[in-house]
PDB file of N, CA and C in Angstrom:
ATOM      1  N   MET A   1      31.894  38.259  54.313  1.00  0.00           N
ATOM      2  CA  MET A   1      31.369  37.009  53.778  1.00  0.00           C
ATOM      3  C   MET A   1      29.970  37.250  53.205  1.00  0.00           C
ATOM      4  N   SER A   2      29.717  36.705  52.071  1.00  0.00           N
ATOM      5  CA  SER A   2      28.471  36.924  51.358  1.00  0.00           C
ATOM      6  C   SER A   2      27.430  35.870  51.724  1.00  0.00           C
ATOM      7  N   ASN A   3      26.161  36.220  51.610  1.00  0.00           N
ATOM      8  CA  ASN A   3      25.078  35.274  51.837  1.00  0.00           C
ATOM      9  C   ASN A   3      24.744  34.470  50.591  1.00  0.00           C
ATOM     10  N   SER A   4      25.282  34.845  49.454  1.00  0.00           N
ATOM     11  CA  SER A   4      24.946  34.155  48.214  1.00  0.00           C
ATOM     12  C   SER A   4      25.695  32.825  48.111  1.00  0.00           C
ATOM     13  N   TYR A   5      25.053  31.875  47.484  1.00  0.00           N
ATOM     14  CA  TYR A   5      25.677  30.579  47.247  1.00  0.00           C
ATOM     15  C   TYR A   5      26.569  30.676  46.026  1.00  0.00           C
ATOM     16  N   ASN A   6      27.687  29.970  46.041  1.00  0.00           N
ATOM     17  CA  ASN A   6      28.578  29.946  44.892  1.00  0.00           C
ATOM     18  C   ASN A   6      28.313  28.643  44.134  1.00  0.00           C
ATOM     19  N   TYR A   7      27.222  28.619  43.379  1.00  0.00           N
ATOM     20  CA  TYR A   7      26.786  27.405  42.698  1.00  0.00           C
ATOM     21  C   TYR A   7      27.786  26.907  41.665  1.00  0.00           C
ATOM     22  N   ALA A   8      28.516  27.798  41.051  1.00  0.00           N
ATOM     23  CA  ALA A   8      29.433  27.406  39.983  1.00  0.00           C
ATOM     24  C   ALA A   8      30.558  26.517  40.489  1.00  0.00           C
ATOM     25  N   ASN A   9      30.911  26.640  41.752  1.00  0.00           N
ATOM     26  CA  ASN A   9      32.012  25.856  42.298  1.00  0.00           C
ATOM     27  C   ASN A   9      31.578  24.580  43.008  1.00  0.00           C
ATOM     28  N   ARG A  10      30.319  24.241  42.939  1.00  0.00           N
ATOM     29  CA  ARG A  10      29.847  23.027  43.598  1.00  0.00           C
ATOM     30  C   ARG A  10      30.447  21.790  42.947  1.00  0.00           C
ATOM     31  N   LYS A  11      30.834  20.856  43.791  1.00  0.00           N
ATOM     32  CA  LYS A  11      31.407  19.599  43.306  1.00  0.00           C
ATOM     33  C   LYS A  11      30.328  18.543  43.081  1.00  0.00           C
ATOM     34  N   LEU A  12      29.217  18.694  43.790  1.00  0.00           N
ATOM     35  CA  LEU A  12      28.128  17.724  43.722  1.00  0.00           C
ATOM     36  C   LEU A  12      26.826  18.437  43.393  1.00  0.00           C
ATOM     37  N   THR A  13      25.831  17.683  43.007  1.00  0.00           N
ATOM     38  CA  THR A  13      24.505  18.254  42.810  1.00  0.00           C
ATOM     39  C   THR A  13      23.734  18.163  44.121  1.00  0.00           C
ATOM     40  N   TYR A  14      22.656  18.884  44.188  1.00  0.00           N
ATOM     41  CA  TYR A  14      21.772  18.832  45.355  1.00  0.00           C
ATOM     42  C   TYR A  14      21.259  17.403  45.549  1.00  0.00           C
ATOM     43  N   GLU A  15      20.922  16.736  44.459  1.00  0.00           N
ATOM     44  CA  GLU A  15      20.412  15.371  44.535  1.00  0.00           C
ATOM     45  C   GLU A  15      21.462  14.419  45.109  1.00  0.00           C
ATOM     46  N   GLN A  16      22.715  14.605  44.715  1.00  0.00           N
ATOM     47  CA  GLN A  16      23.783  13.775  45.269  1.00  0.00           C
ATOM     48  C   GLN A  16      23.939  14.022  46.768  1.00  0.00           C
ATOM     49  N   ALA A  17      23.814  15.270  47.182  1.00  0.00           N
ATOM     50  CA  ALA A  17      23.903  15.592  48.610  1.00  0.00           C
ATOM     51  C   ALA A  17      22.770  14.917  49.382  1.00  0.00           C
ATOM     52  N   GLN A  18      21.581  14.940  48.824  1.00  0.00           N
ATOM     53  CA  GLN A  18      20.455  14.262  49.464  1.00  0.00           C
ATOM     54  C   GLN A  18      20.728  12.752  49.565  1.00  0.00           C
ATOM     55  N   GLU A  19      21.288  12.202  48.522  1.00  0.00           N
ATOM     56  CA  GLU A  19      21.643  10.779  48.495  1.00  0.00           C
ATOM     57  C   GLU A  19      22.689  10.467  49.575  1.00  0.00           C
ATOM     58  N   ILE A  20      23.672  11.335  49.728  1.00  0.00           N
ATOM     59  CA  ILE A  20      24.715  11.155  50.744  1.00  0.00           C
ATOM     60  C   ILE A  20      24.089  11.170  52.136  1.00  0.00           C
ATOM     61  N   ARG A  21      23.206  12.127  52.403  1.00  0.00           N
ATOM     62  CA  ARG A  21      22.541  12.182  53.710  1.00  0.00           C
ATOM     63  C   ARG A  21      21.765  10.897  53.984  1.00  0.00           C
ATOM     64  N   LYS A  22      21.045  10.440  52.978  1.00  0.00           N
ATOM     65  CA  LYS A  22      20.242   9.229  53.136  1.00  0.00           C
ATOM     66  C   LYS A  22      21.134   8.017  53.436  1.00  0.00           C
ATOM     67  N   LYS A  23      22.211   7.872  52.680  1.00  0.00           N
ATOM     68  CA  LYS A  23      23.137   6.757  52.909  1.00  0.00           C
ATOM     69  C   LYS A  23      23.766   6.829  54.295  1.00  0.00           C
ATOM     70  N   TYR A  24      24.192   8.030  54.659  1.00  0.00           N
ATOM     71  CA  TYR A  24      24.904   8.215  55.929  1.00  0.00           C
ATOM     72  C   TYR A  24      24.004   7.902  57.116  1.00  0.00           C
ATOM     73  N   PHE A  25      22.784   8.390  57.095  1.00  0.00           N
ATOM     74  CA  PHE A  25      21.903   8.202  58.244  1.00  0.00           C
ATOM     75  C   PHE A  25      21.183   6.856  58.261  1.00  0.00           C
ATOM     76  N   SER A  26      21.170   6.153  57.143  1.00  0.00           N
ATOM     77  CA  SER A  26      20.531   4.838  57.130  1.00  0.00           C
ATOM     78  C   SER A  26      21.509   3.715  57.462  1.00  0.00           C
ATOM     79  N   ASN A  27      22.802   4.007  57.467  1.00  0.00           N
ATOM     80  CA  ASN A  27      23.805   2.981  57.740  1.00  0.00           C
ATOM     81  C   ASN A  27      24.775   3.491  58.810  1.00  0.00           C
ATOM     82  N   PRO A  28      24.570   3.094  60.071  1.00  0.00           N
ATOM     83  CA  PRO A  28      25.421   3.608  61.145  1.00  0.00           C
ATOM     84  C   PRO A  28      26.886   3.200  61.040  1.00  0.00           C
ATOM     85  N   ASP A  29      27.191   2.176  60.252  1.00  0.00           N
ATOM     86  CA  ASP A  29      28.577   1.737  60.097  1.00  0.00           C
ATOM     87  C   ASP A  29      29.319   2.506  59.005  1.00  0.00           C
ATOM     88  N   LEU A  30      28.591   3.244  58.207  1.00  0.00           N
ATOM     89  CA  LEU A  30      29.200   4.000  57.113  1.00  0.00           C
ATOM     90  C   LEU A  30      29.938   5.209  57.678  1.00  0.00           C
ATOM     91  N   ILE A  31      31.173   5.395  57.244  1.00  0.00           N
ATOM     92  CA  ILE A  31      31.939   6.537  57.734  1.00  0.00           C
ATOM     93  C   ILE A  31      32.094   7.571  56.627  1.00  0.00           C
ATOM     94  N   GLN A  32      32.314   8.802  57.050  1.00  0.00           N
ATOM     95  CA  GLN A  32      32.403   9.907  56.101  1.00  0.00           C
ATOM     96  C   GLN A  32      33.525   9.710  55.092  1.00  0.00           C
ATOM     97  N   ARG A  33      34.605   9.086  55.508  1.00  0.00           N
ATOM     98  CA  ARG A  33      35.735   8.844  54.603  1.00  0.00           C
ATOM     99  C   ARG A  33      35.309   7.978  53.406  1.00  0.00           C
ATOM    100  N   GLU A  34      34.468   6.976  53.668  1.00  0.00           N
ATOM    101  CA  GLU A  34      33.994   6.107  52.579  1.00  0.00           C
ATOM    102  C   GLU A  34      33.142   6.889  51.577  1.00  0.00           C
ATOM    103  N   LEU A  35      32.277   7.742  52.089  1.00  0.00           N
ATOM    104  CA  LEU A  35      31.451   8.564  51.196  1.00  0.00           C
ATOM    105  C   LEU A  35      32.303   9.535  50.395  1.00  0.00           C
ATOM    106  N   ALA A  36      33.294  10.120  51.037  1.00  0.00           N
ATOM    107  CA  ALA A  36      34.188  11.050  50.339  1.00  0.00           C
ATOM    108  C   ALA A  36      34.889  10.347  49.184  1.00  0.00           C
ATOM    109  N   LYS A  37      35.344   9.146  49.430  1.00  0.00           N
ATOM    110  CA  LYS A  37      36.025   8.384  48.383  1.00  0.00           C
ATOM    111  C   LYS A  37      35.049   8.022  47.256  1.00  0.00           C
ATOM    112  N   GLU A  38      33.849   7.586  47.637  1.00  0.00           N
ATOM    113  CA  GLU A  38      32.842   7.191  46.644  1.00  0.00           C
ATOM    114  C   GLU A  38      32.454   8.351  45.724  1.00  0.00           C
ATOM    115  N   TYR A  39      32.339   9.557  46.292  1.00  0.00           N
ATOM    116  CA  TYR A  39      31.907  10.720  45.516  1.00  0.00           C
ATOM    117  C   TYR A  39      33.072  11.589  45.055  1.00  0.00           C
ATOM    118  N   ASN A  40      34.281  11.161  45.353  1.00  0.00           N
ATOM    119  CA  ASN A  40      35.499  11.856  44.924  1.00  0.00           C
ATOM    120  C   ASN A  40      35.530  13.323  45.385  1.00  0.00           C
ATOM    121  N   VAL A  41      35.212  13.514  46.657  1.00  0.00           N
ATOM    122  CA  VAL A  41      35.269  14.841  47.280  1.00  0.00           C
ATOM    123  C   VAL A  41      35.992  14.711  48.616  1.00  0.00           C
ATOM    124  N   SER A  42      36.264  15.838  49.248  1.00  0.00           N
ATOM    125  CA  SER A  42      36.957  15.809  50.537  1.00  0.00           C
ATOM    126  C   SER A  42      36.000  15.427  51.669  1.00  0.00           C
ATOM    127  N   ILE A  43      36.593  14.981  52.749  1.00  0.00           N
ATOM    128  CA  ILE A  43      35.804  14.630  53.931  1.00  0.00           C
ATOM    129  C   ILE A  43      35.081  15.870  54.459  1.00  0.00           C
ATOM    130  N   SER A  44      35.702  17.031  54.343  1.00  0.00           N
ATOM    131  CA  SER A  44      35.059  18.245  54.851  1.00  0.00           C
ATOM    132  C   SER A  44      33.780  18.571  54.080  1.00  0.00           C
ATOM    133  N   ILE A  45      33.724  18.255  52.794  1.00  0.00           N
ATOM    134  CA  ILE A  45      32.491  18.461  52.027  1.00  0.00           C
ATOM    135  C   ILE A  45      31.416  17.510  52.538  1.00  0.00           C
ATOM    136  N   ILE A  46      31.774  16.253  52.744  1.00  0.00           N
ATOM    137  CA  ILE A  46      30.822  15.272  53.272  1.00  0.00           C
ATOM    138  C   ILE A  46      30.335  15.710  54.648  1.00  0.00           C
ATOM    139  N   ARG A  47      31.242  16.137  55.500  1.00  0.00           N
ATOM    140  CA  ARG A  47      30.875  16.581  56.851  1.00  0.00           C
ATOM    141  C   ARG A  47      29.884  17.740  56.787  1.00  0.00           C
ATOM    142  N   GLY A  48      30.132  18.688  55.900  1.00  0.00           N
ATOM    143  CA  GLY A  48      29.217  19.822  55.738  1.00  0.00           C
ATOM    144  C   GLY A  48      27.842  19.393  55.276  1.00  0.00           C
ATOM    145  N   ILE A  49      27.804  18.381  54.444  1.00  0.00           N
ATOM    146  CA  ILE A  49      26.519  17.873  53.951  1.00  0.00           C
ATOM    147  C   ILE A  49      25.748  17.185  55.069  1.00  0.00           C
ATOM    148  N   VAL A  50      26.389  16.272  55.788  1.00  0.00           N
ATOM    149  CA  VAL A  50      25.664  15.525  56.826  1.00  0.00           C
ATOM    150  C   VAL A  50      25.327  16.393  58.039  1.00  0.00           C
ATOM    151  N   GLU A  51      26.051  17.491  58.228  1.00  0.00           N
ATOM    152  CA  GLU A  51      25.733  18.429  59.309  1.00  0.00           C
ATOM    153  C   GLU A  51      24.810  19.548  58.828  1.00  0.00           C
ATOM    154  N   ASN A  52      24.292  19.414  57.620  1.00  0.00           N
ATOM    155  CA  ASN A  52      23.361  20.382  57.017  1.00  0.00           C
ATOM    156  C   ASN A  52      23.906  21.803  56.979  1.00  0.00           C
ATOM    157  N   ARG A  53      25.173  21.925  56.615  1.00  0.00           N
ATOM    158  CA  ARG A  53      25.775  23.247  56.420  1.00  0.00           C
ATOM    159  C   ARG A  53      25.939  23.546  54.930  1.00  0.00           C
ATOM    160  N   ASN A  54      25.925  22.535  54.087  1.00  0.00           N
ATOM    161  CA  ASN A  54      26.119  22.679  52.640  1.00  0.00           C
ATOM    162  C   ASN A  54      24.964  22.007  51.902  1.00  0.00           C
ATOM    163  N   TYR A  55      24.757  22.443  50.679  1.00  0.00           N
ATOM    164  CA  TYR A  55      23.792  21.814  49.773  1.00  0.00           C
ATOM    165  C   TYR A  55      22.395  21.740  50.396  1.00  0.00           C
ATOM    166  N   LEU A  56      21.918  22.869  50.887  1.00  0.00           N
ATOM    167  CA  LEU A  56      20.614  22.899  51.529  1.00  0.00           C
ATOM    168  C   LEU A  56      19.473  23.150  50.558  1.00  0.00           C
ATOM    169  N   LYS A  57      19.806  23.640  49.381  1.00  0.00           N
ATOM    170  CA  LYS A  57      18.777  23.844  48.364  1.00  0.00           C
ATOM    171  C   LYS A  57      19.405  23.689  46.989  1.00  0.00           C
ATOM    172  N   PRO A  58      18.604  23.315  45.996  1.00  0.00           N
ATOM    173  CA  PRO A  58      19.143  23.131  44.644  1.00  0.00           C
ATOM    174  C   PRO A  58      19.628  24.447  44.057  1.00  0.00           C
ATOM    175  N   SER A  59      20.600  24.351  43.168  1.00  0.00           N
ATOM    176  CA  SER A  59      21.086  25.536  42.474  1.00  0.00           C
ATOM    177  C   SER A  59      20.013  25.997  41.475  1.00  0.00           C
ATOM    178  N   PRO A  60      20.066  27.245  41.050  1.00  0.00           N
ATOM    179  CA  PRO A  60      19.087  27.734  40.073  1.00  0.00           C
ATOM    180  C   PRO A  60      19.080  26.892  38.792  1.00  0.00           C
ATOM    181  N   LEU A  61      20.231  26.435  38.353  1.00  0.00           N
ATOM    182  CA  LEU A  61      20.291  25.615  37.140  1.00  0.00           C
ATOM    183  C   LEU A  61      19.618  24.263  37.347  1.00  0.00           C
ATOM    184  N   GLU A  62      19.777  23.680  38.519  1.00  0.00           N
ATOM    185  CA  GLU A  62      19.137  22.410  38.806  1.00  0.00           C
ATOM    186  C   GLU A  62      17.629  22.574  38.861  1.00  0.00           C
ATOM    187  N   LYS A  63      17.152  23.702  39.351  1.00  0.00           N
ATOM    188  CA  LYS A  63      15.713  23.962  39.401  1.00  0.00           C
ATOM    189  C   LYS A  63      15.125  24.071  37.991  1.00  0.00           C
ATOM    190  N   GLN A  64      15.870  24.684  37.066  1.00  0.00           N
ATOM    191  CA  GLN A  64      15.372  24.884  35.703  1.00  0.00           C
ATOM    192  C   GLN A  64      15.253  23.568  34.959  1.00  0.00           C
ATOM    193  N   THR A  65      16.167  22.636  35.217  1.00  0.00           N
ATOM    194  CA  THR A  65      16.149  21.377  34.472  1.00  0.00           C
ATOM    195  C   THR A  65      15.227  20.356  35.100  1.00  0.00           C
ATOM    196  N   ALA A  66      14.744  20.611  36.292  1.00  0.00           N
ATOM    197  CA  ALA A  66      13.864  19.644  36.994  1.00  0.00           C
ATOM    198  C   ALA A  66      12.456  19.716  36.463  1.00  0.00           C
TER     199      ALA A  66
END
């Protein structure tokens, strides 16, 4: 397993992941399934985001455009 991020296969941007974390932790009634549906991704992607396993830093392309 490699330590490099596979940015090309990301379904969301870093900013969207930050938004998901903010929504999830500010609303205790919000469930991961609702976020997955809203962002059109799997529940496992949402789970990885809220557990801080995915989308921990912006991709190089996102850094260049910021």
